[in-house]
Amino acid sequence: MNQLSIGLKSHFDQIAQRIANLGGALQAPIETASADRQASMALIEFRDEKAYASALLAHYAAMAKSTQTAVEEAEDNGDPDTTDLLMHLLRTLEQSIQALAAQL
């Protein structure tokens, strides 16, 4: 399951670069956001892999939902580069969700 988070890191790095290219700045490093998410997952005691997969599935589903909203906003703002970047992330999230669902 650790491979799921590794697969997302390159997307996060690309999004951070896109934010910088648009003149923005990250409020916190990607590693901080990732560490916060891992910490919240670590607070839950998992007795089996299915319980862990279920909790992780909920986190990935929430991330996919917010990513879909961001895709729509980028489209509405006429930003095809950001739309494309976010669509790649969304596809990765959807693949991860399918993999996690298969564990249940």
N, C-alpha and C. Protein backbone atom coordinates (compact mmCIF):
# COMPACT_ATOMS: atom_id res chain seq x y z
N MET A 1 0.81 -1.19 0.00
CA MET A 1 0.00 0.00 0.00
C MET A 1 0.85 1.26 0.00
N ASN A 2 2.08 1.12 0.44
CA ASN A 2 2.98 2.26 0.41
C ASN A 2 3.23 2.73 -1.01
N GLN A 3 3.13 1.82 -1.99
CA GLN A 3 3.33 2.19 -3.39
C GLN A 3 2.28 3.18 -3.86
N LEU A 4 1.10 3.15 -3.25
CA LEU A 4 0.06 4.11 -3.62
C LEU A 4 0.52 5.53 -3.34
N SER A 5 1.10 5.76 -2.17
CA SER A 5 1.55 7.11 -1.83
C SER A 5 2.76 7.53 -2.66
N ILE A 6 3.61 6.57 -2.98
CA ILE A 6 4.78 6.87 -3.81
C ILE A 6 4.32 7.32 -5.20
N GLY A 7 3.28 6.68 -5.71
CA GLY A 7 2.75 7.05 -7.02
C GLY A 7 2.18 8.45 -7.06
N LEU A 8 1.72 8.95 -5.93
CA LEU A 8 1.14 10.30 -5.88
C LEU A 8 2.20 11.39 -5.75
N LYS A 9 3.35 11.06 -5.20
CA LYS A 9 4.36 12.09 -4.94
C LYS A 9 4.77 12.85 -6.19
N SER A 10 4.94 12.17 -7.30
CA SER A 10 5.35 12.88 -8.52
C SER A 10 4.26 13.85 -8.97
N HIS A 11 3.00 13.47 -8.78
CA HIS A 11 1.90 14.39 -9.11
C HIS A 11 1.96 15.63 -8.22
N PHE A 12 2.21 15.42 -6.94
CA PHE A 12 2.27 16.55 -6.02
C PHE A 12 3.42 17.48 -6.37
N ASP A 13 4.54 16.92 -6.75
CA ASP A 13 5.68 17.72 -7.15
C ASP A 13 5.34 18.56 -8.39
N GLN A 14 4.65 17.95 -9.35
CA GLN A 14 4.26 18.68 -10.57
C GLN A 14 3.26 19.78 -10.25
N ILE A 15 2.34 19.51 -9.34
CA ILE A 15 1.37 20.53 -8.95
C ILE A 15 2.07 21.69 -8.24
N ALA A 16 3.03 21.37 -7.39
CA ALA A 16 3.79 22.43 -6.71
C ALA A 16 4.53 23.29 -7.73
N GLN A 17 5.11 22.66 -8.75
CA GLN A 17 5.80 23.40 -9.80
C GLN A 17 4.82 24.28 -10.57
N ARG A 18 3.63 23.76 -10.85
CA ARG A 18 2.61 24.53 -11.57
C ARG A 18 2.18 25.74 -10.75
N ILE A 19 2.02 25.56 -9.46
CA ILE A 19 1.67 26.68 -8.58
C ILE A 19 2.73 27.75 -8.65
N ALA A 20 3.99 27.34 -8.60
CA ALA A 20 5.09 28.30 -8.68
C ALA A 20 5.11 29.00 -10.03
N ASN A 21 4.85 28.25 -11.11
CA ASN A 21 4.83 28.84 -12.45
C ASN A 21 3.73 29.88 -12.61
N LEU A 22 2.65 29.70 -11.88
CA LEU A 22 1.54 30.65 -11.94
C LEU A 22 1.72 31.82 -10.98
N GLY A 23 2.86 31.83 -10.28
CA GLY A 23 3.16 32.93 -9.37
C GLY A 23 2.65 32.72 -7.95
N GLY A 24 2.21 31.52 -7.66
CA GLY A 24 1.71 31.23 -6.33
C GLY A 24 2.79 30.67 -5.43
N ALA A 25 2.41 30.40 -4.22
CA ALA A 25 3.34 29.81 -3.25
C ALA A 25 2.58 28.80 -2.42
N LEU A 26 3.25 27.71 -2.09
CA LEU A 26 2.63 26.70 -1.24
C LEU A 26 2.53 27.22 0.19
N GLN A 27 1.44 26.90 0.85
CA GLN A 27 1.29 27.30 2.24
C GLN A 27 2.14 26.43 3.15
N ALA A 28 2.37 25.19 2.72
CA ALA A 28 3.20 24.27 3.49
C ALA A 28 3.83 23.30 2.50
N PRO A 29 5.00 22.81 2.80
CA PRO A 29 5.62 21.84 1.90
C PRO A 29 4.75 20.61 1.73
N ILE A 30 4.85 19.98 0.57
CA ILE A 30 4.08 18.76 0.29
C ILE A 30 4.36 17.71 1.36
N GLU A 31 5.59 17.63 1.80
CA GLU A 31 5.94 16.63 2.81
C GLU A 31 5.16 16.86 4.10
N THR A 32 4.88 18.12 4.44
CA THR A 32 4.12 18.43 5.65
C THR A 32 2.70 17.93 5.51
N ALA A 33 2.08 18.20 4.37
CA ALA A 33 0.71 17.72 4.15
C ALA A 33 0.67 16.20 4.18
N SER A 34 1.65 15.57 3.56
CA SER A 34 1.71 14.12 3.55
C SER A 34 1.91 13.58 4.96
N ALA A 35 2.78 14.21 5.72
CA ALA A 35 3.04 13.76 7.09
C ALA A 35 1.79 13.92 7.95
N ASP A 36 1.04 15.01 7.75
CA ASP A 36 -0.20 15.20 8.50
C ASP A 36 -1.19 14.09 8.19
N ARG A 37 -1.30 13.72 6.91
CA ARG A 37 -2.22 12.65 6.50
C ARG A 37 -1.76 11.32 7.10
N GLN A 38 -0.46 11.06 7.06
CA GLN A 38 0.05 9.82 7.61
C GLN A 38 -0.17 9.77 9.12
N ALA A 39 -0.03 10.91 9.77
CA ALA A 39 -0.23 10.95 11.21
C ALA A 39 -1.68 10.63 11.55
N SER A 40 -2.62 11.16 10.78
CA SER A 40 -4.03 10.88 11.06
C SER A 40 -4.32 9.40 10.83
N MET A 41 -3.69 8.80 9.84
CA MET A 41 -3.87 7.37 9.60
C MET A 41 -3.22 6.56 10.73
N ALA A 42 -2.11 7.03 11.25
CA ALA A 42 -1.38 6.30 12.28
C ALA A 42 -2.15 6.28 13.60
N LEU A 43 -3.06 7.22 13.79
CA LEU A 43 -3.82 7.26 15.03
C LEU A 43 -4.85 6.14 15.10
N ILE A 44 -5.15 5.56 13.97
CA ILE A 44 -6.12 4.47 13.93
C ILE A 44 -5.37 3.15 14.06
N GLU A 45 -5.81 2.34 14.99
CA GLU A 45 -5.17 1.04 15.16
C GLU A 45 -5.85 0.04 14.23
N PHE A 46 -5.05 -0.54 13.36
CA PHE A 46 -5.60 -1.50 12.40
C PHE A 46 -5.20 -2.90 12.80
N ARG A 47 -6.20 -3.73 12.91
CA ARG A 47 -5.96 -5.12 13.29
C ARG A 47 -5.79 -6.01 12.07
N ASP A 48 -6.25 -5.53 10.92
CA ASP A 48 -6.09 -6.33 9.72
C ASP A 48 -5.96 -5.40 8.51
N GLU A 49 -5.51 -5.98 7.43
CA GLU A 49 -5.24 -5.22 6.22
C GLU A 49 -6.52 -4.64 5.62
N LYS A 50 -7.64 -5.34 5.76
CA LYS A 50 -8.90 -4.85 5.21
C LYS A 50 -9.36 -3.58 5.90
N ALA A 51 -9.17 -3.49 7.20
CA ALA A 51 -9.54 -2.28 7.93
C ALA A 51 -8.68 -1.11 7.47
N TYR A 52 -7.41 -1.38 7.28
CA TYR A 52 -6.50 -0.34 6.80
C TYR A 52 -6.89 0.11 5.39
N ALA A 53 -7.17 -0.86 4.51
CA ALA A 53 -7.56 -0.55 3.13
C ALA A 53 -8.84 0.26 3.12
N SER A 54 -9.77 -0.06 3.98
CA SER A 54 -11.04 0.66 4.05
C SER A 54 -10.83 2.12 4.47
N ALA A 55 -10.01 2.34 5.47
CA ALA A 55 -9.73 3.70 5.92
C ALA A 55 -8.96 4.48 4.85
N LEU A 56 -8.01 3.82 4.22
CA LEU A 56 -7.24 4.47 3.15
C LEU A 56 -8.13 4.78 1.96
N LEU A 57 -9.05 3.91 1.66
CA LEU A 57 -10.01 4.12 0.58
C LEU A 57 -10.82 5.39 0.82
N ALA A 58 -11.24 5.61 2.04
CA ALA A 58 -11.99 6.82 2.38
C ALA A 58 -11.15 8.08 2.15
N HIS A 59 -9.87 8.03 2.50
CA HIS A 59 -8.98 9.17 2.28
C HIS A 59 -8.78 9.43 0.79
N TYR A 60 -8.57 8.37 0.03
CA TYR A 60 -8.37 8.53 -1.42
C TYR A 60 -9.63 9.03 -2.09
N ALA A 61 -10.80 8.57 -1.64
CA ALA A 61 -12.06 9.03 -2.22
C ALA A 61 -12.26 10.52 -1.96
N ALA A 62 -11.91 10.98 -0.77
CA ALA A 62 -12.02 12.41 -0.46
C ALA A 62 -11.06 13.22 -1.33
N MET A 63 -9.86 12.71 -1.52
CA MET A 63 -8.89 13.41 -2.36
C MET A 63 -9.36 13.44 -3.81
N ALA A 64 -9.95 12.36 -4.29
CA ALA A 64 -10.46 12.31 -5.66
C ALA A 64 -11.60 13.32 -5.84
N LYS A 65 -12.45 13.42 -4.84
CA LYS A 65 -13.57 14.37 -4.92
C LYS A 65 -13.05 15.81 -5.00
N SER A 66 -12.10 16.16 -4.16
CA SER A 66 -11.57 17.52 -4.19
C SER A 66 -10.77 17.78 -5.47
N THR A 67 -10.13 16.74 -6.00
CA THR A 67 -9.39 16.88 -7.25
C THR A 67 -10.36 17.11 -8.40
N GLN A 68 -11.49 16.39 -8.41
CA GLN A 68 -12.50 16.59 -9.44
C GLN A 68 -13.02 18.03 -9.41
N THR A 69 -13.24 18.57 -8.23
CA THR A 69 -13.67 19.96 -8.09
C THR A 69 -12.61 20.91 -8.66
N ALA A 70 -11.35 20.62 -8.37
CA ALA A 70 -10.27 21.46 -8.89
C ALA A 70 -10.18 21.37 -10.41
N VAL A 71 -10.43 20.20 -10.99
CA VAL A 71 -10.44 20.04 -12.45
C VAL A 71 -11.52 20.94 -13.04
N GLU A 72 -12.70 20.90 -12.46
CA GLU A 72 -13.81 21.72 -12.95
C GLU A 72 -13.50 23.21 -12.86
N GLU A 73 -12.86 23.62 -11.77
CA GLU A 73 -12.48 25.02 -11.62
C GLU A 73 -11.45 25.43 -12.65
N ALA A 74 -10.48 24.57 -12.91
CA ALA A 74 -9.46 24.87 -13.92
C ALA A 74 -10.09 24.98 -15.30
N GLU A 75 -11.03 24.08 -15.60
CA GLU A 75 -11.74 24.15 -16.88
C GLU A 75 -12.53 25.45 -16.99
N ASP A 76 -13.25 25.81 -15.92
CA ASP A 76 -14.04 27.05 -15.91
C ASP A 76 -13.17 28.28 -16.10
N ASN A 77 -11.93 28.21 -15.62
CA ASN A 77 -11.00 29.34 -15.74
C ASN A 77 -10.20 29.31 -17.03
N GLY A 78 -10.48 28.35 -17.90
CA GLY A 78 -9.79 28.27 -19.18
C GLY A 78 -8.30 27.98 -19.05
N ASP A 79 -7.94 27.08 -18.14
CA ASP A 79 -6.54 26.74 -17.91
C ASP A 79 -6.30 25.28 -18.28
N PRO A 80 -6.05 25.01 -19.58
CA PRO A 80 -5.91 23.62 -20.01
C PRO A 80 -4.69 22.91 -19.42
N ASP A 81 -3.61 23.63 -19.14
CA ASP A 81 -2.42 22.98 -18.57
C ASP A 81 -2.71 22.44 -17.17
N THR A 82 -3.36 23.26 -16.35
CA THR A 82 -3.71 22.82 -14.99
C THR A 82 -4.75 21.72 -15.05
N THR A 83 -5.72 21.86 -15.96
CA THR A 83 -6.74 20.82 -16.12
C THR A 83 -6.08 19.49 -16.44
N ASP A 84 -5.15 19.48 -17.38
CA ASP A 84 -4.46 18.25 -17.77
C ASP A 84 -3.68 17.66 -16.60
N LEU A 85 -2.97 18.49 -15.89
CA LEU A 85 -2.18 18.05 -14.74
C LEU A 85 -3.08 17.39 -13.70
N LEU A 86 -4.20 18.03 -13.40
CA LEU A 86 -5.11 17.51 -12.40
C LEU A 86 -5.84 16.25 -12.89
N MET A 87 -6.11 16.17 -14.19
CA MET A 87 -6.74 14.96 -14.73
C MET A 87 -5.83 13.75 -14.58
N HIS A 88 -4.53 13.95 -14.76
CA HIS A 88 -3.57 12.85 -14.56
C HIS A 88 -3.60 12.40 -13.09
N LEU A 89 -3.64 13.36 -12.19
CA LEU A 89 -3.73 13.02 -10.76
C LEU A 89 -5.02 12.27 -10.49
N LEU A 90 -6.13 12.76 -11.04
CA LEU A 90 -7.41 12.11 -10.81
C LEU A 90 -7.41 10.67 -11.32
N ARG A 91 -6.81 10.43 -12.48
CA ARG A 91 -6.73 9.06 -13.00
C ARG A 91 -5.93 8.16 -12.06
N THR A 92 -4.83 8.67 -11.54
CA THR A 92 -4.03 7.90 -10.59
C THR A 92 -4.83 7.60 -9.33
N LEU A 93 -5.56 8.59 -8.85
CA LEU A 93 -6.39 8.37 -7.66
C LEU A 93 -7.45 7.31 -7.92
N GLU A 94 -8.08 7.39 -9.09
CA GLU A 94 -9.12 6.42 -9.42
C GLU A 94 -8.56 5.01 -9.51
N GLN A 95 -7.35 4.88 -10.08
CA GLN A 95 -6.71 3.56 -10.14
C GLN A 95 -6.39 3.05 -8.74
N SER A 96 -5.94 3.95 -7.88
CA SER A 96 -5.63 3.56 -6.50
C SER A 96 -6.90 3.14 -5.77
N ILE A 97 -7.99 3.86 -6.02
CA ILE A 97 -9.27 3.53 -5.39
C ILE A 97 -9.71 2.13 -5.82
N GLN A 98 -9.55 1.83 -7.10
CA GLN A 98 -9.91 0.49 -7.58
C GLN A 98 -9.05 -0.58 -6.93
N ALA A 99 -7.77 -0.31 -6.80
CA ALA A 99 -6.86 -1.27 -6.16
C ALA A 99 -7.23 -1.49 -4.69
N LEU A 100 -7.56 -0.41 -4.01
CA LEU A 100 -7.96 -0.52 -2.60
C LEU A 100 -9.29 -1.26 -2.47
N ALA A 101 -10.23 -0.95 -3.34
CA ALA A 101 -11.54 -1.62 -3.30
C ALA A 101 -11.38 -3.12 -3.52
N ALA A 102 -10.42 -3.50 -4.33
CA ALA A 102 -10.19 -4.92 -4.57
C ALA A 102 -9.67 -5.64 -3.32
N GLN A 103 -9.10 -4.88 -2.40
CA GLN A 103 -8.60 -5.47 -1.15
C GLN A 103 -9.72 -5.79 -0.17
N LEU A 104 -10.88 -5.19 -0.42
CA LEU A 104 -12.01 -5.36 0.53
C LEU A 104 -12.86 -6.57 0.21
